[in-house]
């Protein structure tokens, strides 16, 4: 949970809406929403790999980055949820 809480703080600083949940029987997850386009949302999980290292993951099992580098992880999530205006 600590990894997700640190990521939530970083994403809030980038003006994203976040909601941390811990559904019964599932990994805790962080719902990240672009407030300018609420359809642009993603669930992020933190999980340790077989080597004991913690990583951030998108809900579809896309690895975002190492949990020790919360700034880079937040930037990658922001780029996924970014809306391009035309």
N, C-alpha and C. Protein backbone atom coordinates (compact mmCIF):
# COMPACT_ATOMS: atom_id res chain seq x y z
N UNK A 1 0.82 -1.20 0.00
CA UNK A 1 0.00 0.00 0.00
C UNK A 1 0.86 1.26 0.00
N UNK A 2 2.00 1.20 0.69
CA UNK A 2 2.87 2.37 0.78
C UNK A 2 3.32 2.83 -0.60
N UNK A 3 3.65 1.87 -1.47
CA UNK A 3 4.10 2.23 -2.83
C UNK A 3 2.99 2.98 -3.56
N UNK A 4 1.76 2.51 -3.43
CA UNK A 4 0.64 3.16 -4.12
C UNK A 4 0.33 4.52 -3.51
N UNK A 5 0.50 4.65 -2.21
CA UNK A 5 0.26 5.95 -1.57
C UNK A 5 1.27 6.99 -2.06
N UNK A 6 2.53 6.59 -2.20
CA UNK A 6 3.55 7.52 -2.72
C UNK A 6 3.25 7.90 -4.17
N UNK A 7 2.82 6.93 -4.95
CA UNK A 7 2.47 7.21 -6.34
C UNK A 7 1.25 8.13 -6.41
N UNK A 8 0.28 7.90 -5.55
CA UNK A 8 -0.93 8.75 -5.52
C UNK A 8 -0.55 10.20 -5.25
N UNK A 9 0.33 10.43 -4.31
CA UNK A 9 0.75 11.80 -4.00
C UNK A 9 1.43 12.45 -5.20
N UNK A 10 2.26 11.70 -5.89
CA UNK A 10 2.95 12.24 -7.07
C UNK A 10 1.96 12.56 -8.19
N UNK A 11 0.98 11.70 -8.40
CA UNK A 11 -0.01 11.93 -9.46
C UNK A 11 -0.94 13.08 -9.11
N UNK A 12 -1.29 13.23 -7.85
CA UNK A 12 -2.10 14.38 -7.44
C UNK A 12 -1.36 15.69 -7.70
N UNK A 13 -0.06 15.67 -7.54
CA UNK A 13 0.75 16.86 -7.84
C UNK A 13 0.71 17.20 -9.33
N UNK A 14 0.39 16.21 -10.17
CA UNK A 14 0.24 16.40 -11.61
C UNK A 14 -1.23 16.64 -11.99
N UNK A 15 -2.07 16.90 -10.99
CA UNK A 15 -3.50 17.23 -11.17
C UNK A 15 -4.37 16.06 -11.60
N UNK A 16 -3.92 14.84 -11.37
CA UNK A 16 -4.77 13.69 -11.64
C UNK A 16 -5.61 13.39 -10.40
N UNK A 17 -6.80 12.84 -10.61
CA UNK A 17 -7.62 12.37 -9.51
C UNK A 17 -7.20 10.93 -9.22
N UNK A 18 -7.12 10.58 -7.96
CA UNK A 18 -6.70 9.23 -7.59
C UNK A 18 -7.63 8.68 -6.50
N UNK A 19 -7.78 7.38 -6.51
CA UNK A 19 -8.58 6.71 -5.49
C UNK A 19 -7.92 5.36 -5.19
N UNK A 20 -7.49 5.18 -3.96
CA UNK A 20 -6.84 3.95 -3.54
C UNK A 20 -7.90 3.00 -2.97
N UNK A 21 -7.92 1.78 -3.49
CA UNK A 21 -8.89 0.79 -3.01
C UNK A 21 -8.16 -0.53 -2.73
N UNK A 22 -8.77 -1.31 -1.86
CA UNK A 22 -8.23 -2.63 -1.53
C UNK A 22 -9.37 -3.64 -1.55
N UNK A 23 -9.79 -4.06 -2.75
CA UNK A 23 -10.90 -5.02 -2.84
C UNK A 23 -10.55 -6.35 -2.17
N UNK A 24 -11.52 -6.93 -1.52
CA UNK A 24 -11.30 -8.21 -0.83
C UNK A 24 -10.79 -9.26 -1.81
N UNK A 25 -9.71 -9.92 -1.44
CA UNK A 25 -9.17 -11.00 -2.24
C UNK A 25 -8.35 -10.56 -3.44
N UNK A 26 -8.17 -9.26 -3.63
CA UNK A 26 -7.41 -8.75 -4.77
C UNK A 26 -6.28 -7.85 -4.29
N UNK A 27 -5.34 -7.59 -5.17
CA UNK A 27 -4.28 -6.63 -4.85
C UNK A 27 -4.88 -5.24 -4.67
N UNK A 28 -4.34 -4.44 -3.75
CA UNK A 28 -4.75 -3.03 -3.69
C UNK A 28 -4.44 -2.38 -5.03
N UNK A 29 -5.23 -1.37 -5.36
CA UNK A 29 -5.04 -0.70 -6.64
C UNK A 29 -5.29 0.78 -6.50
N UNK A 30 -4.70 1.52 -7.40
CA UNK A 30 -4.86 2.95 -7.44
C UNK A 30 -5.58 3.31 -8.74
N UNK A 31 -6.77 3.86 -8.61
CA UNK A 31 -7.52 4.32 -9.78
C UNK A 31 -7.03 5.72 -10.09
N UNK A 32 -6.54 5.93 -11.30
CA UNK A 32 -6.01 7.22 -11.72
C UNK A 32 -6.89 7.74 -12.84
N UNK A 33 -7.39 8.97 -12.68
CA UNK A 33 -8.34 9.56 -13.62
C UNK A 33 -7.83 10.91 -14.08
N UNK A 34 -7.88 11.13 -15.39
CA UNK A 34 -7.58 12.45 -15.94
C UNK A 34 -8.84 13.30 -15.78
N UNK A 35 -8.82 14.34 -14.94
CA UNK A 35 -10.04 15.12 -14.68
C UNK A 35 -10.53 15.90 -15.90
N UNK A 36 -9.65 16.12 -16.88
CA UNK A 36 -10.05 16.83 -18.10
C UNK A 36 -10.76 15.90 -19.08
N UNK A 37 -10.60 14.60 -18.89
CA UNK A 37 -11.23 13.59 -19.74
C UNK A 37 -11.41 12.33 -18.89
N UNK A 38 -12.48 12.29 -18.07
CA UNK A 38 -12.66 11.18 -17.12
C UNK A 38 -12.66 9.78 -17.74
N UNK A 39 -12.92 9.68 -19.04
CA UNK A 39 -12.84 8.37 -19.69
C UNK A 39 -11.40 7.87 -19.75
N UNK A 40 -10.46 8.78 -19.62
CA UNK A 40 -9.04 8.42 -19.60
C UNK A 40 -8.68 8.06 -18.16
N UNK A 41 -8.78 6.79 -17.84
CA UNK A 41 -8.55 6.30 -16.48
C UNK A 41 -7.87 4.94 -16.54
N UNK A 42 -7.17 4.62 -15.49
CA UNK A 42 -6.46 3.35 -15.44
C UNK A 42 -6.29 2.92 -13.99
N UNK A 43 -6.31 1.61 -13.77
CA UNK A 43 -5.99 1.05 -12.46
C UNK A 43 -4.52 0.66 -12.45
N UNK A 44 -3.82 1.05 -11.40
CA UNK A 44 -2.40 0.76 -11.25
C UNK A 44 -2.22 -0.11 -10.01
N UNK A 45 -1.38 -1.11 -10.13
CA UNK A 45 -1.09 -2.01 -9.02
C UNK A 45 0.40 -1.94 -8.70
N UNK A 46 0.75 -2.31 -7.49
CA UNK A 46 2.15 -2.47 -7.10
C UNK A 46 2.32 -3.91 -6.64
N UNK A 47 3.32 -4.57 -7.18
CA UNK A 47 3.53 -5.97 -6.85
C UNK A 47 5.02 -6.28 -6.85
N UNK A 48 5.40 -7.22 -6.00
CA UNK A 48 6.81 -7.61 -6.01
C UNK A 48 7.02 -8.71 -7.04
N UNK A 49 8.17 -8.65 -7.69
CA UNK A 49 8.53 -9.65 -8.69
C UNK A 49 9.16 -10.85 -7.98
N UNK A 50 9.51 -11.84 -8.75
CA UNK A 50 10.12 -13.04 -8.18
C UNK A 50 11.43 -12.75 -7.46
N UNK A 51 12.08 -11.66 -7.82
CA UNK A 51 13.35 -11.31 -7.17
C UNK A 51 13.16 -10.45 -5.92
N UNK A 52 11.90 -10.19 -5.55
CA UNK A 52 11.61 -9.41 -4.35
C UNK A 52 11.52 -7.91 -4.58
N UNK A 53 11.81 -7.46 -5.80
CA UNK A 53 11.73 -6.04 -6.13
C UNK A 53 10.27 -5.66 -6.41
N UNK A 54 9.90 -4.43 -6.03
CA UNK A 54 8.53 -3.95 -6.24
C UNK A 54 8.45 -3.12 -7.51
N UNK A 55 7.37 -3.34 -8.28
CA UNK A 55 7.14 -2.67 -9.55
C UNK A 55 5.71 -2.15 -9.60
N UNK A 56 5.50 -1.10 -10.38
CA UNK A 56 4.16 -0.62 -10.70
C UNK A 56 3.71 -1.27 -12.00
N UNK A 57 2.42 -1.63 -12.04
CA UNK A 57 1.86 -2.31 -13.20
C UNK A 57 0.54 -1.66 -13.60
N UNK A 58 0.27 -1.60 -14.90
CA UNK A 58 -1.05 -1.23 -15.38
C UNK A 58 -1.96 -2.44 -15.20
N UNK A 59 -3.25 -2.22 -15.20
CA UNK A 59 -4.20 -3.31 -14.93
C UNK A 59 -4.11 -4.44 -15.95
N UNK A 60 -3.65 -4.15 -17.14
CA UNK A 60 -3.55 -5.18 -18.18
C UNK A 60 -2.16 -5.83 -18.20
N UNK A 61 -1.45 -5.73 -17.08
CA UNK A 61 -0.15 -6.38 -16.85
C UNK A 61 1.00 -5.70 -17.58
N UNK A 62 0.82 -4.45 -17.97
CA UNK A 62 1.93 -3.69 -18.54
C UNK A 62 2.77 -3.11 -17.41
N UNK A 63 4.06 -3.45 -17.40
CA UNK A 63 4.93 -2.95 -16.33
C UNK A 63 5.26 -1.48 -16.59
N UNK A 64 5.05 -0.65 -15.58
CA UNK A 64 5.27 0.79 -15.68
C UNK A 64 6.70 1.13 -15.31
N UNK A 65 7.13 0.67 -14.16
CA UNK A 65 8.48 0.98 -13.70
C UNK A 65 8.69 0.53 -12.27
N UNK A 66 9.92 0.66 -11.84
CA UNK A 66 10.31 0.25 -10.50
C UNK A 66 9.66 1.16 -9.46
N UNK A 67 9.18 0.58 -8.38
CA UNK A 67 8.48 1.35 -7.34
C UNK A 67 9.39 2.32 -6.61
N UNK A 68 10.69 2.15 -6.71
CA UNK A 68 11.60 3.10 -6.07
C UNK A 68 11.72 4.40 -6.85
N UNK A 69 11.26 4.41 -8.10
CA UNK A 69 11.33 5.60 -8.96
C UNK A 69 9.92 6.10 -9.24
N UNK A 70 9.30 6.65 -8.22
CA UNK A 70 7.90 7.08 -8.30
C UNK A 70 7.72 8.23 -9.29
N UNK A 71 8.71 9.08 -9.45
CA UNK A 71 8.60 10.22 -10.38
C UNK A 71 8.47 9.72 -11.81
N UNK A 72 9.34 8.81 -12.21
CA UNK A 72 9.27 8.26 -13.57
C UNK A 72 7.98 7.49 -13.78
N UNK A 73 7.56 6.72 -12.79
CA UNK A 73 6.30 5.98 -12.91
C UNK A 73 5.13 6.93 -13.12
N UNK A 74 5.08 8.01 -12.36
CA UNK A 74 3.99 8.99 -12.51
C UNK A 74 4.03 9.63 -13.89
N UNK A 75 5.21 9.94 -14.40
CA UNK A 75 5.33 10.53 -15.73
C UNK A 75 4.83 9.56 -16.80
N UNK A 76 5.14 8.29 -16.66
CA UNK A 76 4.69 7.29 -17.64
C UNK A 76 3.17 7.13 -17.60
N UNK A 77 2.61 7.12 -16.40
CA UNK A 77 1.15 7.03 -16.28
C UNK A 77 0.50 8.27 -16.88
N UNK A 78 1.05 9.43 -16.60
CA UNK A 78 0.52 10.67 -17.15
C UNK A 78 0.56 10.65 -18.67
N UNK A 79 1.61 10.08 -19.25
CA UNK A 79 1.68 10.03 -20.72
C UNK A 79 0.63 9.08 -21.29
N UNK A 80 0.29 8.02 -20.57
CA UNK A 80 -0.76 7.09 -21.02
C UNK A 80 -2.13 7.76 -20.96
N UNK A 81 -2.36 8.57 -19.94
CA UNK A 81 -3.68 9.18 -19.73
C UNK A 81 -3.79 10.59 -20.29
N UNK A 82 -2.79 11.02 -21.03
CA UNK A 82 -2.77 12.36 -21.60
C UNK A 82 -3.75 12.45 -22.78
N UNK A 83 -4.45 13.56 -22.85
CA UNK A 83 -5.37 13.81 -23.96
C UNK A 83 -4.71 14.77 -24.93
N UNK A 84 -4.66 14.38 -26.18
CA UNK A 84 -4.11 15.25 -27.22
C UNK A 84 -5.24 16.07 -27.81
N UNK A 85 -5.14 17.37 -27.71
CA UNK A 85 -6.16 18.28 -28.25
C UNK A 85 -5.86 18.56 -29.71
N UNK A 86 -6.91 18.54 -30.53
CA UNK A 86 -6.74 18.85 -31.96
C UNK A 86 -7.53 20.07 -32.32
